[in-house]
C-alpha atoms as a PDB file:
ATOM      1  CA  MET A   1     -60.774 102.790  74.886  1.00  0.00           C
ATOM      2  CA  THR A   2     -58.193 102.165  72.090  1.00  0.00           C
ATOM      3  CA  ALA A   3     -60.255 104.244  69.754  1.00  0.00           C
ATOM      4  CA  ILE A   4     -60.423 107.041  72.333  1.00  0.00           C
ATOM      5  CA  ALA A   5     -56.679 106.870  72.658  1.00  0.00           C
ATOM      6  CA  ALA A   6     -56.092 106.955  69.072  1.00  0.00           C
ATOM      7  CA  THR A   7     -58.117 110.202  68.585  1.00  0.00           C
ATOM      8  CA  THR A   8     -56.448 112.030  71.482  1.00  0.00           C
ATOM      9  CA  ALA A   9     -52.806 111.202  70.415  1.00  0.00           C
ATOM     10  CA  GLU A  10     -49.865 112.640  68.397  1.00  0.00           C
ATOM     11  CA  PRO A  11     -46.344 111.215  68.040  1.00  0.00           C
ATOM     12  CA  ILE A  12     -43.589 111.487  70.761  1.00  0.00           C
ATOM     13  CA  THR A  13     -40.459 109.831  71.412  1.00  0.00           C
ATOM     14  CA  ARG A  14     -40.168 106.478  73.434  1.00  0.00           C
ATOM     15  CA  THR A  15     -40.979 106.839  77.034  1.00  0.00           C
ATOM     16  CA  ARG A  16     -38.241 106.426  79.704  1.00  0.00           C
ATOM     17  CA  PRO A  17     -38.633 103.797  82.482  1.00  0.00           C
ATOM     18  CA  GLY A  18     -39.605 106.429  84.967  1.00  0.00           C
ATOM     19  CA  THR A  19     -42.021 108.172  82.874  1.00  0.00           C
ATOM     20  CA  ARG A  20     -43.508 104.731  81.809  1.00  0.00           C
ATOM     21  CA  ALA A  21     -44.173 103.908  85.562  1.00  0.00           C
ATOM     22  CA  LEU A  22     -46.024 107.268  86.086  1.00  0.00           C
ATOM     23  CA  LEU A  23     -47.985 106.624  82.798  1.00  0.00           C
ATOM     24  CA  LEU A  24     -48.977 103.252  84.107  1.00  0.00           C
ATOM     25  CA  ALA A  25     -50.248 104.657  87.418  1.00  0.00           C
ATOM     26  CA  GLY A  26     -52.290 107.088  85.400  1.00  0.00           C
ATOM     27  CA  ALA A  27     -53.667 104.345  83.164  1.00  0.00           C
ATOM     28  CA  TRP A  28     -54.808 102.284  86.168  1.00  0.00           C
ATOM     29  CA  ALA A  29     -56.343 105.256  88.025  1.00  0.00           C
ATOM     30  CA  GLY A  30     -59.705 105.330  86.169  1.00  0.00           C
ATOM     31  CA  PRO A  31     -60.203 101.571  85.953  1.00  0.00           C
ATOM     32  CA  LEU A  32     -59.417 101.336  89.688  1.00  0.00           C
ATOM     33  CA  PHE A  33     -61.987 103.885  90.663  1.00  0.00           C
ATOM     34  CA  VAL A  34     -64.726 102.539  88.358  1.00  0.00           C
ATOM     35  CA  THR A  35     -63.984  98.743  89.427  1.00  0.00           C
ATOM     36  CA  SER A  36     -63.883  99.514  93.058  1.00  0.00           C
ATOM     37  CA  SER A  37     -66.918 101.768  93.014  1.00  0.00           C
ATOM     38  CA  LEU A  38     -68.914  99.330  90.993  1.00  0.00           C
ATOM     39  CA  ALA A  39     -68.075  96.378  93.353  1.00  0.00           C
ATOM     40  CA  GLN A  40     -69.118  98.342  96.368  1.00  0.00           C
ATOM     41  CA  LEU A  41     -72.252  99.775  95.050  1.00  0.00           C
ATOM     42  CA  LEU A  42     -73.473  96.227  94.200  1.00  0.00           C
ATOM     43  CA  THR A  43     -72.540  94.878  97.549  1.00  0.00           C
ATOM     44  CA  ARG A  44     -72.903  97.583 100.308  1.00  0.00           C
ATOM     45  CA  ASP A  45     -76.267  97.118 102.054  1.00  0.00           C
ATOM     46  CA  GLY A  46     -78.591 100.239 101.709  1.00  0.00           C
ATOM     47  CA  PHE A  47     -76.727 101.913  98.968  1.00  0.00           C
ATOM     48  CA  ASP A  48     -78.845 103.093  96.093  1.00  0.00           C
ATOM     49  CA  LEU A  49     -77.146 104.957  93.293  1.00  0.00           C
ATOM     50  CA  ARG A  50     -80.470 106.714  92.402  1.00  0.00           C
ATOM     51  CA  ARG A  51     -80.215 108.481  95.817  1.00  0.00           C
ATOM     52  CA  HIS A  52     -76.607 108.156  96.968  1.00  0.00           C
ATOM     53  CA  PRO A  53     -73.552 109.591  95.130  1.00  0.00           C
ATOM     54  CA  LEU A  54     -70.547 107.255  94.945  1.00  0.00           C
ATOM     55  CA  SER A  55     -68.766 109.513  97.437  1.00  0.00           C
ATOM     56  CA  MET A  56     -71.129 108.281 100.148  1.00  0.00           C
ATOM     57  CA  LEU A  57     -69.456 104.990 100.001  1.00  0.00           C
ATOM     58  CA  GLN A  58     -66.849 106.520 102.182  1.00  0.00           C
ATOM     59  CA  LEU A  59     -69.324 106.240 105.052  1.00  0.00           C
ATOM     60  CA  GLY A  60     -69.923 103.243 107.245  1.00  0.00           C
ATOM     61  CA  HIS A  61     -67.641 100.474 108.560  1.00  0.00           C
ATOM     62  CA  LEU A  62     -66.393  99.758 105.027  1.00  0.00           C
ATOM     63  CA  GLY A  63     -66.043 103.308 104.047  1.00  0.00           C
ATOM     64  CA  TRP A  64     -62.156 103.086 104.163  1.00  0.00           C
ATOM     65  CA  LEU A  65     -62.435 101.167 100.894  1.00  0.00           C
ATOM     66  CA  GLN A  66     -63.853 104.156  98.963  1.00  0.00           C
ATOM     67  CA  THR A  67     -61.554 106.490 100.769  1.00  0.00           C
ATOM     68  CA  LEU A  68     -58.511 104.474  99.678  1.00  0.00           C
ATOM     69  CA  THR A  69     -60.148 104.474  96.257  1.00  0.00           C
ATOM     70  CA  PHE A  70     -60.328 108.171  96.011  1.00  0.00           C
ATOM     71  CA  VAL A  71     -56.733 108.682  97.300  1.00  0.00           C
ATOM     72  CA  LEU A  72     -55.064 106.112  95.014  1.00  0.00           C
ATOM     73  CA  THR A  73     -57.049 107.406  92.019  1.00  0.00           C
ATOM     74  CA  GLY A  74     -56.020 110.871  92.741  1.00  0.00           C
ATOM     75  CA  LEU A  75     -52.373 110.049  93.236  1.00  0.00           C
ATOM     76  CA  GLY A  76     -52.516 108.097  89.863  1.00  0.00           C
ATOM     77  CA  ILE A  77     -53.937 111.156  88.093  1.00  0.00           C
ATOM     78  CA  VAL A  78     -51.122 113.295  89.696  1.00  0.00           C
ATOM     79  CA  ALA A  79     -48.645 110.808  88.385  1.00  0.00           C
ATOM     80  CA  LEU A  80     -50.025 111.131  84.803  1.00  0.00           C
ATOM     81  CA  SER A  81     -49.804 114.900  84.942  1.00  0.00           C
ATOM     82  CA  VAL A  82     -46.121 114.589  85.976  1.00  0.00           C
ATOM     83  CA  ALA A  83     -45.564 112.257  83.080  1.00  0.00           C
ATOM     84  CA  LEU A  84     -47.198 114.575  80.527  1.00  0.00           C
ATOM     85  CA  ALA A  85     -45.462 117.738  81.773  1.00  0.00           C
ATOM     86  CA  ALA A  86     -43.150 119.246  79.273  1.00  0.00           C
ATOM     87  CA  PRO A  87     -41.121 122.500  79.287  1.00  0.00           C
ATOM     88  CA  GLY A  88     -43.272 125.269  77.892  1.00  0.00           C
ATOM     89  CA  ARG A  89     -46.357 123.077  77.554  1.00  0.00           C
ATOM     90  CA  ARG A  90     -47.280 122.526  81.223  1.00  0.00           C
ATOM     91  CA  THR A  91     -50.827 123.945  81.234  1.00  0.00           C
ATOM     92  CA  LEU A  92     -52.510 120.586  80.562  1.00  0.00           C
ATOM     93  CA  ALA A  93     -50.308 118.808  83.150  1.00  0.00           C
ATOM     94  CA  VAL A  94     -51.209 121.541  85.713  1.00  0.00           C
ATOM     95  CA  PHE A  95     -55.023 121.086  85.324  1.00  0.00           C
ATOM     96  CA  LEU A  96     -54.655 117.331  85.545  1.00  0.00           C
ATOM     97  CA  GLY A  97     -52.561 117.691  88.713  1.00  0.00           C
ATOM     98  CA  LEU A  98     -55.249 119.831  90.177  1.00  0.00           C
ATOM     99  CA  PHE A  99     -57.908 117.270  89.307  1.00  0.00           C
ATOM    100  CA  GLY A 100     -55.826 114.503  91.023  1.00  0.00           C
ATOM    101  CA  ALA A 101     -55.187 116.530  94.053  1.00  0.00           C
ATOM    102  CA  GLY A 102     -58.855 117.387  94.313  1.00  0.00           C
ATOM    103  CA  LEU A 103     -59.562 113.825  94.356  1.00  0.00           C
ATOM    104  CA  VAL A 104     -57.270 113.066  97.059  1.00  0.00           C
ATOM    105  CA  VAL A 105     -58.725 115.804  99.276  1.00  0.00           C
ATOM    106  CA  ALA A 106     -62.195 114.622  98.451  1.00  0.00           C
ATOM    107  CA  GLY A 107     -61.210 111.144  99.687  1.00  0.00           C
ATOM    108  CA  LEU A 108     -59.703 112.453 102.865  1.00  0.00           C
ATOM    109  CA  VAL A 109     -62.967 114.327 103.904  1.00  0.00           C
ATOM    110  CA  ALA A 110     -66.191 112.510 103.771  1.00  0.00           C
ATOM    111  CA  PRO A 111     -69.699 113.734 102.927  1.00  0.00           C
ATOM    112  CA  ASP A 112     -72.475 113.693 105.476  1.00  0.00           C
ATOM    113  CA  PRO A 113     -74.711 110.609 106.254  1.00  0.00           C
ATOM    114  CA  GLU A 114     -78.238 111.136 104.699  1.00  0.00           C
ATOM    115  CA  TYR A 115     -81.015 109.538 102.804  1.00  0.00           C
ATOM    116  CA  GLY A 116     -80.777 106.455 104.989  1.00  0.00           C
ATOM    117  CA  PHE A 117     -77.036 105.656 104.246  1.00  0.00           C
ATOM    118  CA  PRO A 118     -75.276 104.160 106.040  1.00  0.00           C
ATOM    119  CA  ALA A 119     -77.599 102.417 108.443  1.00  0.00           C
ATOM    120  CA  GLY A 120     -78.953 104.787 111.047  1.00  0.00           C
ATOM    121  CA  ALA A 121     -78.529 107.929 108.865  1.00  0.00           C
ATOM    122  CA  PRO A 122     -81.334 110.472 108.587  1.00  0.00           C
ATOM    123  CA  ALA A 123     -84.092 109.376 106.248  1.00  0.00           C
ATOM    124  CA  GLY A 124     -83.716 112.654 104.356  1.00  0.00           C
ATOM    125  CA  ARG A 125     -81.174 115.219 103.490  1.00  0.00           C
ATOM    126  CA  ALA A 126     -78.936 116.370 106.316  1.00  0.00           C
ATOM    127  CA  GLU A 127     -80.305 119.423 107.983  1.00  0.00           C
ATOM    128  CA  GLN A 128     -76.998 121.288 107.675  1.00  0.00           C
ATOM    129  CA  MET A 129     -73.757 120.375 106.012  1.00  0.00           C
ATOM    130  CA  SER A 130     -70.838 119.682 108.242  1.00  0.00           C
ATOM    131  CA  GLY A 131     -67.499 121.381 107.757  1.00  0.00           C
ATOM    132  CA  HIS A 132     -66.000 118.128 106.267  1.00  0.00           C
ATOM    133  CA  ALA A 133     -68.923 117.738 103.948  1.00  0.00           C
ATOM    134  CA  VAL A 134     -68.337 121.244 102.624  1.00  0.00           C
ATOM    135  CA  ALA A 135     -64.625 120.587 102.120  1.00  0.00           C
ATOM    136  CA  HIS A 136     -65.617 117.326 100.265  1.00  0.00           C
ATOM    137  CA  ALA A 137     -67.942 119.040  97.934  1.00  0.00           C
ATOM    138  CA  THR A 138     -65.605 121.921  97.299  1.00  0.00           C
ATOM    139  CA  ALA A 139     -62.682 119.657  96.463  1.00  0.00           C
ATOM    140  CA  ALA A 140     -64.962 117.579  94.057  1.00  0.00           C
ATOM    141  CA  VAL A 141     -66.260 120.674  92.311  1.00  0.00           C
ATOM    142  CA  LEU A 142     -62.782 122.203  91.986  1.00  0.00           C
ATOM    143  CA  ALA A 143     -61.414 118.752  90.799  1.00  0.00           C
ATOM    144  CA  PHE A 144     -63.857 118.298  87.968  1.00  0.00           C
ATOM    145  CA  THR A 145     -63.563 121.986  86.959  1.00  0.00           C
ATOM    146  CA  ALA A 146     -59.870 121.630  86.561  1.00  0.00           C
ATOM    147  CA  LEU A 147     -60.398 118.524  84.416  1.00  0.00           C
ATOM    148  CA  ALA A 148     -62.830 120.513  82.273  1.00  0.00           C
ATOM    149  CA  GLY A 149     -59.865 123.000  81.916  1.00  0.00           C
ATOM    150  CA  ALA A 150     -57.602 120.270  80.803  1.00  0.00           C
ATOM    151  CA  CYS A 151     -60.093 119.220  78.156  1.00  0.00           C
ATOM    152  CA  VAL A 152     -60.555 122.939  76.898  1.00  0.00           C
ATOM    153  CA  VAL A 153     -56.664 123.278  76.662  1.00  0.00           C
ATOM    154  CA  HIS A 154     -56.572 120.083  74.629  1.00  0.00           C
ATOM    155  CA  VAL A 155     -59.366 121.343  72.410  1.00  0.00           C
ATOM    156  CA  VAL A 156     -57.223 124.482  71.581  1.00  0.00           C
ATOM    157  CA  ARG A 157     -54.087 122.513  70.938  1.00  0.00           C
ATOM    158  CA  SER A 158     -55.979 120.217  68.753  1.00  0.00           C
ATOM    159  CA  ILE A 159     -57.409 123.028  66.595  1.00  0.00           C
ATOM    160  CA  ARG A 160     -54.027 124.521  66.299  1.00  0.00           C
ATOM    161  CA  ARG A 161     -52.666 121.319  64.751  1.00  0.00           C
ATOM    162  CA  ARG A 162     -55.889 120.826  62.820  1.00  0.00           C
ATOM    163  CA  ALA A 163     -56.902 117.492  64.617  1.00  0.00           C
ATOM    164  CA  VAL A 164     -60.618 117.334  64.413  1.00  0.00           C
ATOM    165  CA  ALA A 165     -61.323 114.285  66.247  1.00  0.00           C
ATOM    166  CA  PRO A 166     -59.369 115.032  69.415  1.00  0.00           C
ATOM    167  CA  ALA A 167     -60.856 118.507  69.418  1.00  0.00           C
ATOM    168  CA  VAL A 168     -64.526 117.216  69.154  1.00  0.00           C
ATOM    169  CA  LEU A 169     -63.905 114.455  71.725  1.00  0.00           C
ATOM    170  CA  SER A 170     -62.214 116.623  74.320  1.00  0.00           C
ATOM    171  CA  GLY A 171     -64.800 119.421  73.706  1.00  0.00           C
ATOM    172  CA  LEU A 172     -67.689 116.946  74.394  1.00  0.00           C
ATOM    173  CA  VAL A 173     -66.003 115.673  77.646  1.00  0.00           C
ATOM    174  CA  ALA A 174     -65.581 119.379  78.757  1.00  0.00           C
ATOM    175  CA  LEU A 175     -69.351 120.016  77.959  1.00  0.00           C
ATOM    176  CA  VAL A 176     -70.320 116.981  80.006  1.00  0.00           C
ATOM    177  CA  LEU A 177     -68.213 118.221  82.922  1.00  0.00           C
ATOM    178  CA  LEU A 178     -69.732 121.654  82.730  1.00  0.00           C
ATOM    179  CA  LEU A 179     -73.393 120.670  82.519  1.00  0.00           C
ATOM    180  CA  PRO A 180     -75.610 121.599  85.462  1.00  0.00           C
ATOM    181  CA  THR A 181     -76.532 118.959  87.764  1.00  0.00           C
ATOM    182  CA  PRO A 182     -80.274 118.570  88.610  1.00  0.00           C
ATOM    183  CA  ALA A 183     -81.037 117.564  92.170  1.00  0.00           C
ATOM    184  CA  ALA A 184     -83.410 114.908  91.150  1.00  0.00           C
ATOM    185  CA  HIS A 185     -80.742 112.880  89.182  1.00  0.00           C
ATOM    186  CA  ALA A 186     -77.561 114.123  90.697  1.00  0.00           C
ATOM    187  CA  SER A 187     -76.070 110.918  91.943  1.00  0.00           C
ATOM    188  CA  VAL A 188     -76.547 109.187  88.573  1.00  0.00           C
ATOM    189  CA  GLN A 189     -75.298 112.128  86.545  1.00  0.00           C
ATOM    190  CA  LEU A 190     -72.267 112.404  88.726  1.00  0.00           C
ATOM    191  CA  ALA A 191     -71.497 108.771  88.313  1.00  0.00           C
ATOM    192  CA  VAL A 192     -71.847 108.958  84.527  1.00  0.00           C
ATOM    193  CA  THR A 193     -69.686 112.032  84.444  1.00  0.00           C
ATOM    194  CA  GLY A 194     -67.064 110.295  86.438  1.00  0.00           C
ATOM    195  CA  LEU A 195     -67.073 107.316  84.142  1.00  0.00           C
ATOM    196  CA  ILE A 196     -66.620 109.679  81.054  1.00  0.00           C
ATOM    197  CA  SER A 197     -63.815 111.657  82.881  1.00  0.00           C
ATOM    198  CA  PHE A 198     -61.866 108.690  83.779  1.00  0.00           C
ATOM    199  CA  ALA A 199     -62.212 107.218  80.164  1.00  0.00           C
ATOM    200  CA  TRP A 200     -60.582 110.387  78.984  1.00  0.00           C
ATOM    201  CA  THR A 201     -57.742 110.483  81.454  1.00  0.00           C
ATOM    202  CA  THR A 202     -57.052 106.796  80.807  1.00  0.00           C
ATOM    203  CA  ALA A 203     -56.926 107.340  77.201  1.00  0.00           C
ATOM    204  CA  LEU A 204     -54.296 110.077  77.581  1.00  0.00           C
ATOM    205  CA  ALA A 205     -52.165 107.569  79.578  1.00  0.00           C
ATOM    206  CA  LEU A 206     -52.612 104.644  77.094  1.00  0.00           C
ATOM    207  CA  SER A 207     -51.830 106.785  74.283  1.00  0.00           C
ATOM    208  CA  ALA A 208     -48.530 107.910  75.751  1.00  0.00           C
ATOM    209  CA  LEU A 209     -47.664 104.417  76.669  1.00  0.00           C
ATOM    210  CA  THR A 210     -47.989 103.301  73.099  1.00  0.00           C
ATOM    211  CA  GLY A 211     -45.606 105.967  71.949  1.00  0.00           C
ATOM    212  CA  ARG A 212     -48.153 108.807  71.456  1.00  0.00           C
ATOM    213  CA  THR A 213     -49.462 111.462  73.797  1.00  0.00           C
ATOM    214  CA  VAL A 214     -51.525 114.519  74.009  1.00  0.00           C
ATOM    215  CA  ARG A 215     -49.318 117.802  73.914  1.00  0.00           C
END
């Protein structure tokens, strides 16, 4: 993570206490989501990452844990976007804010039970998506599309300042985010995409906390 942060950074002035608190929230957002999701997928009865996307952890009697995880993670990313906003250079922050807001919405509206999870759910795919499932899927797609936009903005800025490593890194993350998702391996691909995405956002926060940030 330190190496990633170093390649996505450039010098700034020392952060103020309020900004530092926002950056800390952004730095903890990704690890919170990954740690919470990992603990749940290893302990929730019937959950199989090969068939069930992580968002389905929102279902069942312990679903509130994943709902809270989505909301807190999203709010952390929004905090990061506020911390990185600067007059005349707010495009990256806006995209990050949309990403965070999308995570919050996705956490507040759950997907449909299917593929046997949670217990008692249909053995196959839901015959018709409910309104809340459509809202969840839409929020998630828009959120990660916004994050891809943030990566592209950083690629452009890195090229302008002739920073090769940050441009390449952010370009690769954007590519991963925009790859098509085959139905056969969708849940696993989405989990890997999320891991890469949160590694990138965490790197932004860590680089700013150490006196450097992405502009």
